[in-house]
Amino acid sequence: MIEFFTVLVIEYEMQSKTIQSRILFETWDHCERTLRIDELYDVFYNNYKNTSMKCRQTEIRSKLIRPKLRPSPLKR
């Protein structure tokens, strides 16, 4: 299984300007878990207008899980 770096993109409006922040994660799962943290959600959605948060997967591999080699058959 190949895993890719994933970016958490947070966009919100402050003083009539759109602000964008990005946080890099090694996997989609790490990004999704962070996205689900209630405190993070509450800070942005309760204090800033037009907020959006999403995970975006990049095309850059973070991990490449290779299959394990099978033991060679016994030599005769």
PDB file of N, CA and C in Angstrom:
ATOM      1  N   MET A   1       0.855  -1.187   0.000  1.00  0.00           N
ATOM      2  CA  MET A   1       0.000   0.000   0.000  1.00  0.00           C
ATOM      3  C   MET A   1       0.897   1.245   0.000  1.00  0.00           C
ATOM      4  N   ILE A   2       0.548   2.177  -0.799  1.00  0.00           N
ATOM      5  CA  ILE A   2       1.302   3.431  -0.891  1.00  0.00           C
ATOM      6  C   ILE A   2       0.540   4.503  -0.117  1.00  0.00           C
ATOM      7  N   GLU A   3       1.254   5.265   0.683  1.00  0.00           N
ATOM      8  CA  GLU A   3       0.638   6.383   1.394  1.00  0.00           C
ATOM      9  C   GLU A   3       1.262   7.676   0.893  1.00  0.00           C
ATOM     10  N   PHE A   4       0.470   8.734   0.915  1.00  0.00           N
ATOM     11  CA  PHE A   4       0.902  10.017   0.389  1.00  0.00           C
ATOM     12  C   PHE A   4       0.805  11.095   1.461  1.00  0.00           C
ATOM     13  N   PHE A   5       1.687  12.095   1.365  1.00  0.00           N
ATOM     14  CA  PHE A   5       1.557  13.242   2.247  1.00  0.00           C
ATOM     15  C   PHE A   5       0.200  13.882   2.005  1.00  0.00           C
ATOM     16  N   THR A   6      -0.397  14.349   3.083  1.00  0.00           N
ATOM     17  CA  THR A   6      -1.717  14.975   3.002  1.00  0.00           C
ATOM     18  C   THR A   6      -1.662  16.310   3.731  1.00  0.00           C
ATOM     19  N   VAL A   7      -2.337  17.298   3.182  1.00  0.00           N
ATOM     20  CA  VAL A   7      -2.316  18.644   3.744  1.00  0.00           C
ATOM     21  C   VAL A   7      -3.697  18.982   4.296  1.00  0.00           C
ATOM     22  N   LEU A   8      -3.713  19.448   5.536  1.00  0.00           N
ATOM     23  CA  LEU A   8      -4.942  19.984   6.108  1.00  0.00           C
ATOM     24  C   LEU A   8      -4.987  21.457   5.719  1.00  0.00           C
ATOM     25  N   VAL A   9      -5.996  21.832   4.962  1.00  0.00           N
ATOM     26  CA  VAL A   9      -6.144  23.213   4.510  1.00  0.00           C
ATOM     27  C   VAL A   9      -7.270  23.850   5.320  1.00  0.00           C
ATOM     28  N   ILE A  10      -6.948  24.950   5.972  1.00  0.00           N
ATOM     29  CA  ILE A  10      -7.922  25.689   6.772  1.00  0.00           C
ATOM     30  C   ILE A  10      -8.041  27.085   6.170  1.00  0.00           C
ATOM     31  N   GLU A  11      -9.253  27.435   5.770  1.00  0.00           N
ATOM     32  CA  GLU A  11      -9.504  28.773   5.225  1.00  0.00           C
ATOM     33  C   GLU A  11     -10.561  29.448   6.080  1.00  0.00           C
ATOM     34  N   TYR A  12     -10.316  30.705   6.397  1.00  0.00           N
ATOM     35  CA  TYR A  12     -11.280  31.457   7.191  1.00  0.00           C
ATOM     36  C   TYR A  12     -11.156  32.932   6.845  1.00  0.00           C
ATOM     37  N   GLU A  13     -12.132  33.688   7.250  1.00  0.00           N
ATOM     38  CA  GLU A  13     -12.151  35.113   6.948  1.00  0.00           C
ATOM     39  C   GLU A  13     -11.865  35.901   8.217  1.00  0.00           C
ATOM     40  N   MET A  14     -10.913  36.847   8.101  1.00  0.00           N
ATOM     41  CA  MET A  14     -10.576  37.717   9.221  1.00  0.00           C
ATOM     42  C   MET A  14     -10.418  39.133   8.679  1.00  0.00           C
ATOM     43  N   GLN A  15     -11.133  40.047   9.262  1.00  0.00           N
ATOM     44  CA  GLN A  15     -11.115  41.445   8.840  1.00  0.00           C
ATOM     45  C   GLN A  15     -11.306  41.559   7.324  1.00  0.00           C
ATOM     46  N   SER A  16     -12.295  40.858   6.829  1.00  0.00           N
ATOM     47  CA  SER A  16     -12.696  40.869   5.413  1.00  0.00           C
ATOM     48  C   SER A  16     -11.623  40.325   4.467  1.00  0.00           C
ATOM     49  N   LYS A  17     -10.676  39.577   4.981  1.00  0.00           N
ATOM     50  CA  LYS A  17      -9.655  38.960   4.142  1.00  0.00           C
ATOM     51  C   LYS A  17      -9.666  37.451   4.368  1.00  0.00           C
ATOM     52  N   THR A  18      -9.471  36.721   3.301  1.00  0.00           N
ATOM     53  CA  THR A  18      -9.415  35.274   3.410  1.00  0.00           C
ATOM     54  C   THR A  18      -8.002  34.843   3.783  1.00  0.00           C
ATOM     55  N   ILE A  19      -7.915  34.061   4.828  1.00  0.00           N
ATOM     56  CA  ILE A  19      -6.640  33.545   5.327  1.00  0.00           C
ATOM     57  C   ILE A  19      -6.619  32.044   5.070  1.00  0.00           C
ATOM     58  N   GLN A  20      -5.474  31.537   4.628  1.00  0.00           N
ATOM     59  CA  GLN A  20      -5.346  30.110   4.405  1.00  0.00           C
ATOM     60  C   GLN A  20      -4.126  29.589   5.157  1.00  0.00           C
ATOM     61  N   SER A  21      -4.338  28.522   5.897  1.00  0.00           N
ATOM     62  CA  SER A  21      -3.248  27.864   6.624  1.00  0.00           C
ATOM     63  C   SER A  21      -3.167  26.424   6.161  1.00  0.00           C
ATOM     64  N   ARG A  22      -1.951  25.892   6.125  1.00  0.00           N
ATOM     65  CA  ARG A  22      -1.751  24.506   5.696  1.00  0.00           C
ATOM     66  C   ARG A  22      -0.872  23.794   6.701  1.00  0.00           C
ATOM     67  N   ILE A  23      -1.264  22.564   7.015  1.00  0.00           N
ATOM     68  CA  ILE A  23      -0.485  21.718   7.910  1.00  0.00           C
ATOM     69  C   ILE A  23      -0.257  20.394   7.191  1.00  0.00           C
ATOM     70  N   LEU A  24       0.994  19.968   7.131  1.00  0.00           N
ATOM     71  CA  LEU A  24       1.357  18.759   6.400  1.00  0.00           C
ATOM     72  C   LEU A  24       1.338  17.540   7.324  1.00  0.00           C
ATOM     73  N   PHE A  25       0.753  16.442   6.827  1.00  0.00           N
ATOM     74  CA  PHE A  25       0.702  15.177   7.552  1.00  0.00           C
ATOM     75  C   PHE A  25       1.252  14.069   6.663  1.00  0.00           C
ATOM     76  N   GLU A  26       1.747  13.008   7.299  1.00  0.00           N
ATOM     77  CA  GLU A  26       2.308  11.893   6.536  1.00  0.00           C
ATOM     78  C   GLU A  26       1.241  11.025   5.878  1.00  0.00           C
ATOM     79  N   THR A  27       0.042  10.992   6.458  1.00  0.00           N
ATOM     80  CA  THR A  27      -1.010  10.137   5.905  1.00  0.00           C
ATOM     81  C   THR A  27      -2.359  10.849   5.924  1.00  0.00           C
ATOM     82  N   TRP A  28      -3.265  10.334   5.115  1.00  0.00           N
ATOM     83  CA  TRP A  28      -4.647  10.830   5.080  1.00  0.00           C
ATOM     84  C   TRP A  28      -5.296  10.634   6.447  1.00  0.00           C
ATOM     85  N   ASP A  29      -5.060   9.490   7.060  1.00  0.00           N
ATOM     86  CA  ASP A  29      -5.646   9.166   8.352  1.00  0.00           C
ATOM     87  C   ASP A  29      -5.242  10.176   9.422  1.00  0.00           C
ATOM     88  N   HIS A  30      -3.979  10.556   9.460  1.00  0.00           N
ATOM     89  CA  HIS A  30      -3.523  11.549  10.447  1.00  0.00           C
ATOM     90  C   HIS A  30      -4.236  12.884  10.241  1.00  0.00           C
ATOM     91  N   CYS A  31      -4.391  13.275   9.005  1.00  0.00           N
ATOM     92  CA  CYS A  31      -5.078  14.532   8.701  1.00  0.00           C
ATOM     93  C   CYS A  31      -6.544  14.466   9.129  1.00  0.00           C
ATOM     94  N   GLU A  32      -7.201  13.383   8.792  1.00  0.00           N
ATOM     95  CA  GLU A  32      -8.616  13.222   9.146  1.00  0.00           C
ATOM     96  C   GLU A  32      -8.829  13.231  10.655  1.00  0.00           C
ATOM     97  N   ARG A  33      -7.944  12.573  11.391  1.00  0.00           N
ATOM     98  CA  ARG A  33      -8.073  12.566  12.849  1.00  0.00           C
ATOM     99  C   ARG A  33      -7.920  13.975  13.416  1.00  0.00           C
ATOM    100  N   THR A  34      -7.009  14.744  12.870  1.00  0.00           N
ATOM    101  CA  THR A  34      -6.819  16.124  13.320  1.00  0.00           C
ATOM    102  C   THR A  34      -8.038  16.967  12.983  1.00  0.00           C
ATOM    103  N   LEU A  35      -8.573  16.750  11.818  1.00  0.00           N
ATOM    104  CA  LEU A  35      -9.762  17.484  11.375  1.00  0.00           C
ATOM    105  C   LEU A  35     -10.943  17.253  12.315  1.00  0.00           C
ATOM    106  N   ARG A  36     -10.983  16.111  12.957  1.00  0.00           N
ATOM    107  CA  ARG A  36     -12.103  15.749  13.835  1.00  0.00           C
ATOM    108  C   ARG A  36     -11.921  16.196  15.284  1.00  0.00           C
ATOM    109  N   ILE A  37     -10.836  16.878  15.592  1.00  0.00           N
ATOM    110  CA  ILE A  37     -10.630  17.352  16.964  1.00  0.00           C
ATOM    111  C   ILE A  37     -11.618  18.484  17.245  1.00  0.00           C
ATOM    112  N   ASP A  38     -12.468  18.281  18.221  1.00  0.00           N
ATOM    113  CA  ASP A  38     -13.537  19.239  18.504  1.00  0.00           C
ATOM    114  C   ASP A  38     -13.021  20.629  18.845  1.00  0.00           C
ATOM    115  N   GLU A  39     -11.931  20.705  19.589  1.00  0.00           N
ATOM    116  CA  GLU A  39     -11.415  22.016  19.994  1.00  0.00           C
ATOM    117  C   GLU A  39     -10.949  22.828  18.779  1.00  0.00           C
ATOM    118  N   LEU A  40     -10.310  22.173  17.851  1.00  0.00           N
ATOM    119  CA  LEU A  40      -9.866  22.853  16.634  1.00  0.00           C
ATOM    120  C   LEU A  40     -11.074  23.365  15.852  1.00  0.00           C
ATOM    121  N   TYR A  41     -12.032  22.506  15.692  1.00  0.00           N
ATOM    122  CA  TYR A  41     -13.265  22.863  14.996  1.00  0.00           C
ATOM    123  C   TYR A  41     -13.927  24.067  15.669  1.00  0.00           C
ATOM    124  N   ASP A  42     -14.064  24.001  16.992  1.00  0.00           N
ATOM    125  CA  ASP A  42     -14.751  25.070  17.726  1.00  0.00           C
ATOM    126  C   ASP A  42     -14.059  26.416  17.592  1.00  0.00           C
ATOM    127  N   VAL A  43     -12.743  26.443  17.658  1.00  0.00           N
ATOM    128  CA  VAL A  43     -12.005  27.709  17.573  1.00  0.00           C
ATOM    129  C   VAL A  43     -12.316  28.429  16.263  1.00  0.00           C
ATOM    130  N   PHE A  44     -12.250  27.704  15.165  1.00  0.00           N
ATOM    131  CA  PHE A  44     -12.461  28.348  13.871  1.00  0.00           C
ATOM    132  C   PHE A  44     -13.927  28.651  13.595  1.00  0.00           C
ATOM    133  N   TYR A  45     -14.785  27.683  13.785  1.00  0.00           N
ATOM    134  CA  TYR A  45     -16.180  27.886  13.434  1.00  0.00           C
ATOM    135  C   TYR A  45     -16.900  28.858  14.349  1.00  0.00           C
ATOM    136  N   ASN A  46     -16.460  28.982  15.585  1.00  0.00           N
ATOM    137  CA  ASN A  46     -17.110  29.908  16.507  1.00  0.00           C
ATOM    138  C   ASN A  46     -16.562  31.324  16.433  1.00  0.00           C
ATOM    139  N   ASN A  47     -15.372  31.486  15.869  1.00  0.00           N
ATOM    140  CA  ASN A  47     -14.741  32.809  15.895  1.00  0.00           C
ATOM    141  C   ASN A  47     -14.524  33.461  14.538  1.00  0.00           C
ATOM    142  N   TYR A  48     -14.608  32.711  13.475  1.00  0.00           N
ATOM    143  CA  TYR A  48     -14.307  33.273  12.164  1.00  0.00           C
ATOM    144  C   TYR A  48     -15.409  32.935  11.159  1.00  0.00           C
ATOM    145  N   LYS A  49     -15.650  33.867  10.265  1.00  0.00           N
ATOM    146  CA  LYS A  49     -16.675  33.671   9.247  1.00  0.00           C
ATOM    147  C   LYS A  49     -16.117  32.872   8.067  1.00  0.00           C
ATOM    148  N   ASN A  50     -17.028  32.266   7.350  1.00  0.00           N
ATOM    149  CA  ASN A  50     -16.689  31.558   6.108  1.00  0.00           C
ATOM    150  C   ASN A  50     -15.503  30.601   6.286  1.00  0.00           C
ATOM    151  N   THR A  51     -15.599  29.751   7.270  1.00  0.00           N
ATOM    152  CA  THR A  51     -14.524  28.813   7.564  1.00  0.00           C
ATOM    153  C   THR A  51     -14.726  27.504   6.813  1.00  0.00           C
ATOM    154  N   SER A  52     -13.629  26.971   6.288  1.00  0.00           N
ATOM    155  CA  SER A  52     -13.673  25.623   5.713  1.00  0.00           C
ATOM    156  C   SER A  52     -12.382  24.896   6.073  1.00  0.00           C
ATOM    157  N   MET A  53     -12.516  23.615   6.316  1.00  0.00           N
ATOM    158  CA  MET A  53     -11.368  22.767   6.633  1.00  0.00           C
ATOM    159  C   MET A  53     -11.494  21.504   5.806  1.00  0.00           C
ATOM    160  N   LYS A  54     -10.384  21.109   5.186  1.00  0.00           N
ATOM    161  CA  LYS A  54     -10.420  19.882   4.402  1.00  0.00           C
ATOM    162  C   LYS A  54      -9.021  19.299   4.267  1.00  0.00           C
ATOM    163  N   CYS A  55      -8.989  18.003   4.059  1.00  0.00           N
ATOM    164  CA  CYS A  55      -7.726  17.309   3.815  1.00  0.00           C
ATOM    165  C   CYS A  55      -7.564  17.153   2.310  1.00  0.00           C
ATOM    166  N   ARG A  56      -6.367  17.430   1.822  1.00  0.00           N
ATOM    167  CA  ARG A  56      -6.048  17.262   0.399  1.00  0.00           C
ATOM    168  C   ARG A  56      -4.802  16.394   0.268  1.00  0.00           C
ATOM    169  N   GLN A  57      -4.970  15.303  -0.412  1.00  0.00           N
ATOM    170  CA  GLN A  57      -3.846  14.388  -0.603  1.00  0.00           C
ATOM    171  C   GLN A  57      -2.943  14.901  -1.710  1.00  0.00           C
ATOM    172  N   THR A  58      -1.635  14.830  -1.484  1.00  0.00           N
ATOM    173  CA  THR A  58      -0.671  15.240  -2.500  1.00  0.00           C
ATOM    174  C   THR A  58      -0.317  14.032  -3.365  1.00  0.00           C
ATOM    175  N   GLU A  59       0.547  14.232  -4.320  1.00  0.00           N
ATOM    176  CA  GLU A  59       1.027  13.138  -5.160  1.00  0.00           C
ATOM    177  C   GLU A  59       2.410  12.659  -4.707  1.00  0.00           C
ATOM    178  N   ILE A  60       2.853  13.155  -3.560  1.00  0.00           N
ATOM    179  CA  ILE A  60       4.176  12.815  -3.042  1.00  0.00           C
ATOM    180  C   ILE A  60       4.048  11.670  -2.041  1.00  0.00           C
ATOM    181  N   ARG A  61       4.744  10.596  -2.310  1.00  0.00           N
ATOM    182  CA  ARG A  61       4.680   9.423  -1.433  1.00  0.00           C
ATOM    183  C   ARG A  61       5.347   9.711  -0.091  1.00  0.00           C
ATOM    184  N   SER A  62       4.668   9.307   0.965  1.00  0.00           N
ATOM    185  CA  SER A  62       5.270   9.416   2.291  1.00  0.00           C
ATOM    186  C   SER A  62       5.775   8.062   2.761  1.00  0.00           C
ATOM    187  N   LYS A  63       5.088   7.013   2.342  1.00  0.00           N
ATOM    188  CA  LYS A  63       5.492   5.658   2.709  1.00  0.00           C
ATOM    189  C   LYS A  63       5.169   4.725   1.556  1.00  0.00           C
ATOM    190  N   LEU A  64       6.043   3.801   1.370  1.00  0.00           N
ATOM    191  CA  LEU A  64       5.810   2.757   0.377  1.00  0.00           C
ATOM    192  C   LEU A  64       5.976   1.434   1.108  1.00  0.00           C
ATOM    193  N   ILE A  65       4.883   0.762   1.301  1.00  0.00           N
ATOM    194  CA  ILE A  65       4.931  -0.506   2.012  1.00  0.00           C
ATOM    195  C   ILE A  65       5.156  -1.598   0.982  1.00  0.00           C
ATOM    196  N   ARG A  66       6.278  -2.228   1.103  1.00  0.00           N
ATOM    197  CA  ARG A  66       6.643  -3.267   0.141  1.00  0.00           C
ATOM    198  C   ARG A  66       6.290  -4.639   0.704  1.00  0.00           C
ATOM    199  N   PRO A  67       5.892  -5.523  -0.157  1.00  0.00           N
ATOM    200  CA  PRO A  67       5.596  -6.872   0.318  1.00  0.00           C
ATOM    201  C   PRO A  67       6.869  -7.547   0.821  1.00  0.00           C
ATOM    202  N   LYS A  68       6.694  -8.408   1.794  1.00  0.00           N
ATOM    203  CA  LYS A  68       7.842  -9.132   2.334  1.00  0.00           C
ATOM    204  C   LYS A  68       8.242 -10.240   1.370  1.00  0.00           C
ATOM    205  N   LEU A  69       9.539 -10.444   1.267  1.00  0.00           N
ATOM    206  CA  LEU A  69      10.028 -11.515   0.418  1.00  0.00           C
ATOM    207  C   LEU A  69       9.716 -12.859   1.048  1.00  0.00           C
ATOM    208  N   ARG A  70       9.339 -13.771   0.209  1.00  0.00           N
ATOM    209  CA  ARG A  70       9.109 -15.131   0.695  1.00  0.00           C
ATOM    210  C   ARG A  70      10.450 -15.820   0.843  1.00  0.00           C
ATOM    211  N   PRO A  71      10.540 -16.725   1.794  1.00  0.00           N
ATOM    212  CA  PRO A  71      11.792 -17.477   1.920  1.00  0.00           C
ATOM    213  C   PRO A  71      12.015 -18.304   0.671  1.00  0.00           C
ATOM    214  N   SER A  72      13.246 -18.405   0.287  1.00  0.00           N
ATOM    215  CA  SER A  72      13.549 -19.194  -0.919  1.00  0.00           C
ATOM    216  C   SER A  72      13.289 -20.678  -0.629  1.00  0.00           C
ATOM    217  N   PRO A  73      12.873 -21.403  -1.647  1.00  0.00           N
ATOM    218  CA  PRO A  73      12.640 -22.838  -1.444  1.00  0.00           C
ATOM    219  C   PRO A  73      13.954 -23.541  -1.080  1.00  0.00           C
ATOM    220  N   LEU A  74      13.811 -24.603  -0.392  1.00  0.00           N
ATOM    221  CA  LEU A  74      14.993 -25.367   0.025  1.00  0.00           C
ATOM    222  C   LEU A  74      15.771 -25.847  -1.181  1.00  0.00           C
ATOM    223  N   LYS A  75      17.059 -25.719  -1.097  1.00  0.00           N
ATOM    224  CA  LYS A  75      17.910 -26.189  -2.185  1.00  0.00           C
ATOM    225  C   LYS A  75      18.104 -27.695  -2.042  1.00  0.00           C
ATOM    226  N   ARG A  76      18.190 -28.376  -3.172  1.00  0.00           N
ATOM    227  CA  ARG A  76      18.382 -29.841  -3.148  1.00  0.00           C
ATOM    228  C   ARG A  76      19.817 -30.188  -3.125  1.00  0.00           C
TER     229      ARG A  76
END
